[in-house]
Amino acid sequence: MKNIDTAFAQVRKFTLAVVCGSILATCFAVYHSFRLVSEMQARIYILANGKALEAYSSDRKENIPVEARDHVKTFHKLFFTLDPDDKAIQANIAKALYLADGSAKRAYDDLKENGYYAGLISGNVNQTIAIDSVMIDINSHPYRFRCYATQTIIRPTTVTTRSLLTEGSLRSVSRSDNNPHGFLIERWNTLDNRDIKSTNRNH
């Protein structure tokens, strides 16, 4: 009887150990499967020139500073890159206005009313912009920014360099083809825009 009791206890212990081991193995397998699925979902494959290139997705929080700076740079390049061609000006301004609120539209209307664009066209003037830096404060939403840039205005006889400092805030909106970063510039304002130097063009 003692042998039977001992054997039963051993069988019970063995069975309990097998059950516990099975539970642990199942939990590990489920955890590992979920982690593998998550890793696979974070991978993106892009087809470029017939080749599949692997990319990785990430939380938007990690990319906010980069995307916000690029949004501000894109807007300023579109708004301030002007050629003496009415259609080219309208095309650039139309793209820029998708990235900002009514404050940018008001600035455009003021420039148009004052004959700025007409002067560029009639005077055969080109205007380009180089973004020096964009400072973003992501500690609170909407994100405040300041953009430091340099404008180059090329006239038939002179080249004028101007400093440009603007500020505003960025509000998160839905992404779209016209606004791929998903930000909207609000309360956009020019703080400084003055001549730095002017040089004669050599003909």
C-alpha atoms as a PDB file:
ATOM      1  CA  MET A   1       0.000   0.000   0.000  1.00  0.00           C
ATOM      2  CA  LYS A   2       2.875   2.305   0.819  1.00  0.00           C
ATOM      3  CA  ASN A   3       4.395   1.605  -2.590  1.00  0.00           C
ATOM      4  CA  ILE A   4       1.069   2.387  -4.257  1.00  0.00           C
ATOM      5  CA  ASP A   5       0.724   5.661  -2.302  1.00  0.00           C
ATOM      6  CA  THR A   6       4.300   6.619  -3.145  1.00  0.00           C
ATOM      7  CA  ALA A   7       3.792   5.768  -6.818  1.00  0.00           C
ATOM      8  CA  PHE A   8       0.535   7.761  -6.923  1.00  0.00           C
ATOM      9  CA  ALA A   9       2.234  10.789  -5.329  1.00  0.00           C
ATOM     10  CA  GLN A  10       5.076  10.573  -7.828  1.00  0.00           C
ATOM     11  CA  VAL A  11       2.653  10.269 -10.743  1.00  0.00           C
ATOM     12  CA  ARG A  12       0.696  13.269  -9.414  1.00  0.00           C
ATOM     13  CA  LYS A  13       3.885  15.334  -9.094  1.00  0.00           C
ATOM     14  CA  PHE A  14       5.009  14.286 -12.549  1.00  0.00           C
ATOM     15  CA  THR A  15       1.607  15.128 -14.059  1.00  0.00           C
ATOM     16  CA  LEU A  16       1.600  18.525 -12.305  1.00  0.00           C
ATOM     17  CA  ALA A  17       5.113  19.241 -13.603  1.00  0.00           C
ATOM     18  CA  VAL A  18       4.084  18.298 -17.155  1.00  0.00           C
ATOM     19  CA  VAL A  19       0.974  20.521 -16.967  1.00  0.00           C
ATOM     20  CA  CYS A  20       2.984  23.474 -15.594  1.00  0.00           C
ATOM     21  CA  GLY A  21       5.647  22.935 -18.247  1.00  0.00           C
ATOM     22  CA  SER A  22       2.996  22.834 -20.971  1.00  0.00           C
ATOM     23  CA  ILE A  23       1.429  26.077 -19.696  1.00  0.00           C
ATOM     24  CA  LEU A  24       4.817  27.799 -19.609  1.00  0.00           C
ATOM     25  CA  ALA A  25       5.702  26.537 -23.092  1.00  0.00           C
ATOM     26  CA  THR A  26       2.317  27.702 -24.446  1.00  0.00           C
ATOM     27  CA  CYS A  27       2.701  31.155 -22.864  1.00  0.00           C
ATOM     28  CA  PHE A  28       6.208  31.499 -24.290  1.00  0.00           C
ATOM     29  CA  ALA A  29       5.037  30.410 -27.740  1.00  0.00           C
ATOM     30  CA  VAL A  30       2.111  32.887 -27.698  1.00  0.00           C
ATOM     31  CA  TYR A  31       4.363  35.741 -26.488  1.00  0.00           C
ATOM     32  CA  HIS A  32       7.004  34.949 -29.095  1.00  0.00           C
ATOM     33  CA  SER A  33       4.354  34.760 -31.827  1.00  0.00           C
ATOM     34  CA  PHE A  34       2.875  38.144 -30.889  1.00  0.00           C
ATOM     35  CA  ARG A  35       6.325  39.736 -30.814  1.00  0.00           C
ATOM     36  CA  LEU A  36       7.173  38.236 -34.208  1.00  0.00           C
ATOM     37  CA  VAL A  37       3.897  39.497 -35.695  1.00  0.00           C
ATOM     38  CA  SER A  38       4.542  42.993 -34.278  1.00  0.00           C
ATOM     39  CA  GLU A  39       8.030  43.028 -35.781  1.00  0.00           C
ATOM     40  CA  MET A  40       6.677  41.910 -39.147  1.00  0.00           C
ATOM     41  CA  GLN A  41       3.985  44.608 -39.087  1.00  0.00           C
ATOM     42  CA  ALA A  42       6.673  47.229 -38.449  1.00  0.00           C
ATOM     43  CA  ARG A  43       8.370  46.268 -41.703  1.00  0.00           C
ATOM     44  CA  ILE A  44       7.390  47.953 -44.917  1.00  0.00           C
ATOM     45  CA  TYR A  45       8.533  46.873 -48.344  1.00  0.00           C
ATOM     46  CA  ILE A  46       8.897  49.512 -51.036  1.00  0.00           C
ATOM     47  CA  LEU A  47       9.232  48.598 -54.684  1.00  0.00           C
ATOM     48  CA  ALA A  48      11.805  50.838 -56.377  1.00  0.00           C
ATOM     49  CA  ASN A  49      13.258  50.183 -59.824  1.00  0.00           C
ATOM     50  CA  GLY A  50      12.074  46.601 -59.713  1.00  0.00           C
ATOM     51  CA  LYS A  51      13.707  45.908 -56.333  1.00  0.00           C
ATOM     52  CA  ALA A  52      11.946  45.361 -53.006  1.00  0.00           C
ATOM     53  CA  LEU A  53      13.520  47.592 -50.372  1.00  0.00           C
ATOM     54  CA  GLU A  54      12.779  47.074 -46.698  1.00  0.00           C
ATOM     55  CA  ALA A  55      11.823  50.023 -44.510  1.00  0.00           C
ATOM     56  CA  TYR A  56      10.648  50.264 -40.923  1.00  0.00           C
ATOM     57  CA  SER A  57       7.620  52.085 -39.564  1.00  0.00           C
ATOM     58  CA  SER A  58       7.851  53.947 -36.273  1.00  0.00           C
ATOM     59  CA  ASP A  59       5.699  55.854 -33.826  1.00  0.00           C
ATOM     60  CA  ARG A  60       4.907  59.345 -35.108  1.00  0.00           C
ATOM     61  CA  LYS A  61       6.151  60.853 -31.837  1.00  0.00           C
ATOM     62  CA  GLU A  62       9.687  59.883 -32.789  1.00  0.00           C
ATOM     63  CA  ASN A  63       9.373  61.724 -36.109  1.00  0.00           C
ATOM     64  CA  ILE A  64       7.504  64.872 -35.038  1.00  0.00           C
ATOM     65  CA  PRO A  65      10.567  67.180 -34.962  1.00  0.00           C
ATOM     66  CA  VAL A  66      11.794  65.959 -38.358  1.00  0.00           C
ATOM     67  CA  GLU A  67       8.379  66.097 -40.034  1.00  0.00           C
ATOM     68  CA  ALA A  68       7.524  69.455 -38.458  1.00  0.00           C
ATOM     69  CA  ARG A  69      10.778  71.044 -39.661  1.00  0.00           C
ATOM     70  CA  ASP A  70      10.297  69.651 -43.152  1.00  0.00           C
ATOM     71  CA  HIS A  71       6.708  70.940 -43.240  1.00  0.00           C
ATOM     72  CA  VAL A  72       7.862  74.459 -42.329  1.00  0.00           C
ATOM     73  CA  LYS A  73      10.723  74.300 -44.864  1.00  0.00           C
ATOM     74  CA  THR A  74       8.413  73.079 -47.633  1.00  0.00           C
ATOM     75  CA  PHE A  75       5.897  75.850 -46.988  1.00  0.00           C
ATOM     76  CA  HIS A  76       8.520  78.600 -47.040  1.00  0.00           C
ATOM     77  CA  LYS A  77      10.208  77.250 -50.178  1.00  0.00           C
ATOM     78  CA  LEU A  78       6.871  77.146 -52.002  1.00  0.00           C
ATOM     79  CA  PHE A  79       5.729  80.562 -50.749  1.00  0.00           C
ATOM     80  CA  PHE A  80       8.987  82.414 -51.405  1.00  0.00           C
ATOM     81  CA  THR A  81      10.384  80.685 -54.507  1.00  0.00           C
ATOM     82  CA  LEU A  82       9.052  82.922 -57.269  1.00  0.00           C
ATOM     83  CA  ASP A  83       9.755  83.241 -60.979  1.00  0.00           C
ATOM     84  CA  PRO A  84       8.596  86.020 -63.306  1.00  0.00           C
ATOM     85  CA  ASP A  85       5.732  83.859 -64.526  1.00  0.00           C
ATOM     86  CA  ASP A  86       2.172  84.247 -63.276  1.00  0.00           C
ATOM     87  CA  LYS A  87       1.295  80.550 -63.708  1.00  0.00           C
ATOM     88  CA  ALA A  88       4.441  79.413 -61.861  1.00  0.00           C
ATOM     89  CA  ILE A  89       3.696  81.830 -59.006  1.00  0.00           C
ATOM     90  CA  GLN A  90       0.076  80.676 -58.762  1.00  0.00           C
ATOM     91  CA  ALA A  91       1.117  77.008 -58.770  1.00  0.00           C
ATOM     92  CA  ASN A  92       3.626  77.469 -55.942  1.00  0.00           C
ATOM     93  CA  ILE A  93       1.317  79.626 -53.840  1.00  0.00           C
ATOM     94  CA  ALA A  94      -1.583  77.175 -54.288  1.00  0.00           C
ATOM     95  CA  LYS A  95       0.597  74.316 -52.950  1.00  0.00           C
ATOM     96  CA  ALA A  96       1.834  76.484 -50.069  1.00  0.00           C
ATOM     97  CA  LEU A  97      -1.672  77.481 -48.982  1.00  0.00           C
ATOM     98  CA  TYR A  98      -2.622  73.834 -48.446  1.00  0.00           C
ATOM     99  CA  LEU A  99       0.022  73.777 -45.680  1.00  0.00           C
ATOM    100  CA  ALA A 100      -1.174  76.846 -43.733  1.00  0.00           C
ATOM    101  CA  ASP A 101      -4.300  78.552 -42.470  1.00  0.00           C
ATOM    102  CA  GLY A 102      -5.805  81.927 -43.388  1.00  0.00           C
ATOM    103  CA  SER A 103      -2.813  83.863 -42.038  1.00  0.00           C
ATOM    104  CA  ALA A 104      -0.769  82.773 -45.075  1.00  0.00           C
ATOM    105  CA  LYS A 105      -3.651  83.613 -47.427  1.00  0.00           C
ATOM    106  CA  ARG A 106      -3.863  87.106 -45.919  1.00  0.00           C
ATOM    107  CA  ALA A 107      -0.112  87.617 -46.406  1.00  0.00           C
ATOM    108  CA  TYR A 108      -0.457  86.528 -50.040  1.00  0.00           C
ATOM    109  CA  ASP A 109      -3.459  88.819 -50.606  1.00  0.00           C
ATOM    110  CA  ASP A 110      -1.559  91.778 -49.099  1.00  0.00           C
ATOM    111  CA  LEU A 111       1.454  91.177 -51.350  1.00  0.00           C
ATOM    112  CA  LYS A 112      -0.782  90.792 -54.387  1.00  0.00           C
ATOM    113  CA  GLU A 113      -2.754  93.931 -53.574  1.00  0.00           C
ATOM    114  CA  ASN A 114       0.474  95.909 -53.172  1.00  0.00           C
ATOM    115  CA  GLY A 115       1.590  94.781 -56.635  1.00  0.00           C
ATOM    116  CA  TYR A 116       4.495  92.640 -55.421  1.00  0.00           C
ATOM    117  CA  TYR A 117       3.901  89.753 -57.820  1.00  0.00           C
ATOM    118  CA  ALA A 118       3.091  92.052 -60.729  1.00  0.00           C
ATOM    119  CA  GLY A 119       6.404  93.812 -60.046  1.00  0.00           C
ATOM    120  CA  LEU A 120       8.294  90.506 -60.182  1.00  0.00           C
ATOM    121  CA  ILE A 121       6.750  89.632 -63.526  1.00  0.00           C
ATOM    122  CA  SER A 122       7.153  93.052 -65.145  1.00  0.00           C
ATOM    123  CA  GLY A 123      10.694  93.471 -63.784  1.00  0.00           C
ATOM    124  CA  ASN A 124      11.844  89.967 -64.792  1.00  0.00           C
ATOM    125  CA  VAL A 125      12.806  89.217 -61.179  1.00  0.00           C
ATOM    126  CA  ASN A 126      13.600  85.801 -59.681  1.00  0.00           C
ATOM    127  CA  GLN A 127      13.324  85.122 -55.963  1.00  0.00           C
ATOM    128  CA  THR A 128      14.797  82.107 -54.175  1.00  0.00           C
ATOM    129  CA  ILE A 129      15.073  81.144 -50.522  1.00  0.00           C
ATOM    130  CA  ALA A 130      17.567  79.141 -48.469  1.00  0.00           C
ATOM    131  CA  ILE A 131      16.350  77.849 -45.113  1.00  0.00           C
ATOM    132  CA  ASP A 132      19.063  78.361 -42.515  1.00  0.00           C
ATOM    133  CA  SER A 133      17.315  76.669 -39.583  1.00  0.00           C
ATOM    134  CA  VAL A 134      13.897  75.850 -38.135  1.00  0.00           C
ATOM    135  CA  MET A 135      13.385  75.818 -34.370  1.00  0.00           C
ATOM    136  CA  ILE A 136      10.443  73.714 -33.109  1.00  0.00           C
ATOM    137  CA  ASP A 137       9.074  73.564 -29.561  1.00  0.00           C
ATOM    138  CA  ILE A 138       7.346  70.181 -29.239  1.00  0.00           C
ATOM    139  CA  ASN A 139       6.705  70.443 -25.498  1.00  0.00           C
ATOM    140  CA  SER A 140       3.123  71.606 -26.052  1.00  0.00           C
ATOM    141  CA  HIS A 141       0.599  71.370 -28.882  1.00  0.00           C
ATOM    142  CA  PRO A 142       0.207  73.267 -31.166  1.00  0.00           C
ATOM    143  CA  TYR A 143       3.972  73.336 -31.685  1.00  0.00           C
ATOM    144  CA  ARG A 144       5.537  76.792 -31.885  1.00  0.00           C
ATOM    145  CA  PHE A 145       8.222  77.370 -34.511  1.00  0.00           C
ATOM    146  CA  ARG A 146      10.609  79.991 -35.817  1.00  0.00           C
ATOM    147  CA  CYS A 147      12.114  79.835 -39.276  1.00  0.00           C
ATOM    148  CA  TYR A 148      15.401  81.559 -40.131  1.00  0.00           C
ATOM    149  CA  ALA A 149      16.058  81.941 -43.844  1.00  0.00           C
ATOM    150  CA  THR A 150      17.882  83.983 -46.466  1.00  0.00           C
ATOM    151  CA  GLN A 151      16.187  85.331 -49.587  1.00  0.00           C
ATOM    152  CA  THR A 152      17.991  86.062 -52.832  1.00  0.00           C
ATOM    153  CA  ILE A 153      16.260  88.455 -55.219  1.00  0.00           C
ATOM    154  CA  ILE A 154      17.803  88.477 -58.686  1.00  0.00           C
ATOM    155  CA  ARG A 155      16.995  91.514 -60.814  1.00  0.00           C
ATOM    156  CA  PRO A 156      18.393  92.244 -64.311  1.00  0.00           C
ATOM    157  CA  THR A 157      21.044  94.563 -62.825  1.00  0.00           C
ATOM    158  CA  THR A 158      21.413  93.627 -59.144  1.00  0.00           C
ATOM    159  CA  VAL A 159      21.292  90.715 -56.703  1.00  0.00           C
ATOM    160  CA  THR A 160      19.813  91.505 -53.304  1.00  0.00           C
ATOM    161  CA  THR A 161      20.173  89.292 -50.245  1.00  0.00           C
ATOM    162  CA  ARG A 162      17.573  89.620 -47.499  1.00  0.00           C
ATOM    163  CA  SER A 163      17.210  88.035 -44.067  1.00  0.00           C
ATOM    164  CA  LEU A 164      13.874  86.437 -43.230  1.00  0.00           C
ATOM    165  CA  LEU A 165      12.533  85.464 -39.822  1.00  0.00           C
ATOM    166  CA  THR A 166       9.023  84.104 -39.414  1.00  0.00           C
ATOM    167  CA  GLU A 167       7.113  82.418 -36.617  1.00  0.00           C
ATOM    168  CA  GLY A 168       3.891  80.498 -36.145  1.00  0.00           C
ATOM    169  CA  SER A 169       2.478  77.289 -34.742  1.00  0.00           C
ATOM    170  CA  LEU A 170       1.823  73.818 -36.113  1.00  0.00           C
ATOM    171  CA  ARG A 171      -1.447  72.002 -35.513  1.00  0.00           C
ATOM    172  CA  SER A 172      -1.803  68.304 -36.302  1.00  0.00           C
ATOM    173  CA  VAL A 173      -4.336  67.480 -39.035  1.00  0.00           C
ATOM    174  CA  SER A 174      -5.090  64.492 -41.246  1.00  0.00           C
ATOM    175  CA  ARG A 175      -2.496  63.592 -43.846  1.00  0.00           C
ATOM    176  CA  SER A 176      -3.398  63.997 -47.492  1.00  0.00           C
ATOM    177  CA  ASP A 177      -1.761  64.187 -50.920  1.00  0.00           C
ATOM    178  CA  ASN A 178      -1.665  67.979 -50.578  1.00  0.00           C
ATOM    179  CA  ASN A 179      -0.453  67.835 -46.977  1.00  0.00           C
ATOM    180  CA  PRO A 180       1.642  64.676 -46.523  1.00  0.00           C
ATOM    181  CA  HIS A 181       3.119  65.668 -43.139  1.00  0.00           C
ATOM    182  CA  GLY A 182      -0.269  66.192 -41.493  1.00  0.00           C
ATOM    183  CA  PHE A 183       0.451  69.650 -40.048  1.00  0.00           C
ATOM    184  CA  LEU A 184      -1.211  73.033 -40.547  1.00  0.00           C
ATOM    185  CA  ILE A 185       0.690  76.280 -40.007  1.00  0.00           C
ATOM    186  CA  GLU A 186      -1.342  78.742 -37.931  1.00  0.00           C
ATOM    187  CA  ARG A 187      -0.853  82.395 -36.962  1.00  0.00           C
ATOM    188  CA  TRP A 188       2.029  82.731 -39.392  1.00  0.00           C
ATOM    189  CA  ASN A 189       3.817  86.041 -39.028  1.00  0.00           C
ATOM    190  CA  THR A 190       6.952  87.685 -40.462  1.00  0.00           C
ATOM    191  CA  LEU A 191       9.147  89.134 -37.706  1.00  0.00           C
ATOM    192  CA  ASP A 192      12.053  90.372 -39.825  1.00  0.00           C
ATOM    193  CA  ASN A 193      12.657  90.813 -43.541  1.00  0.00           C
ATOM    194  CA  ARG A 194      15.419  93.296 -44.337  1.00  0.00           C
ATOM    195  CA  ASP A 195      18.215  93.762 -46.861  1.00  0.00           C
ATOM    196  CA  ILE A 196      21.606  92.348 -45.945  1.00  0.00           C
ATOM    197  CA  LYS A 197      23.490  93.327 -49.082  1.00  0.00           C
ATOM    198  CA  SER A 198      23.024  94.239 -52.705  1.00  0.00           C
ATOM    199  CA  THR A 199      25.560  93.667 -55.467  1.00  0.00           C
ATOM    200  CA  ASN A 200      25.673  94.626 -59.143  1.00  0.00           C
ATOM    201  CA  ARG A 201      25.469  91.879 -61.716  1.00  0.00           C
ATOM    202  CA  ASN A 202      28.285  91.543 -64.206  1.00  0.00           C
ATOM    203  CA  HIS A 203      27.075  91.402 -67.781  1.00  0.00           C
END
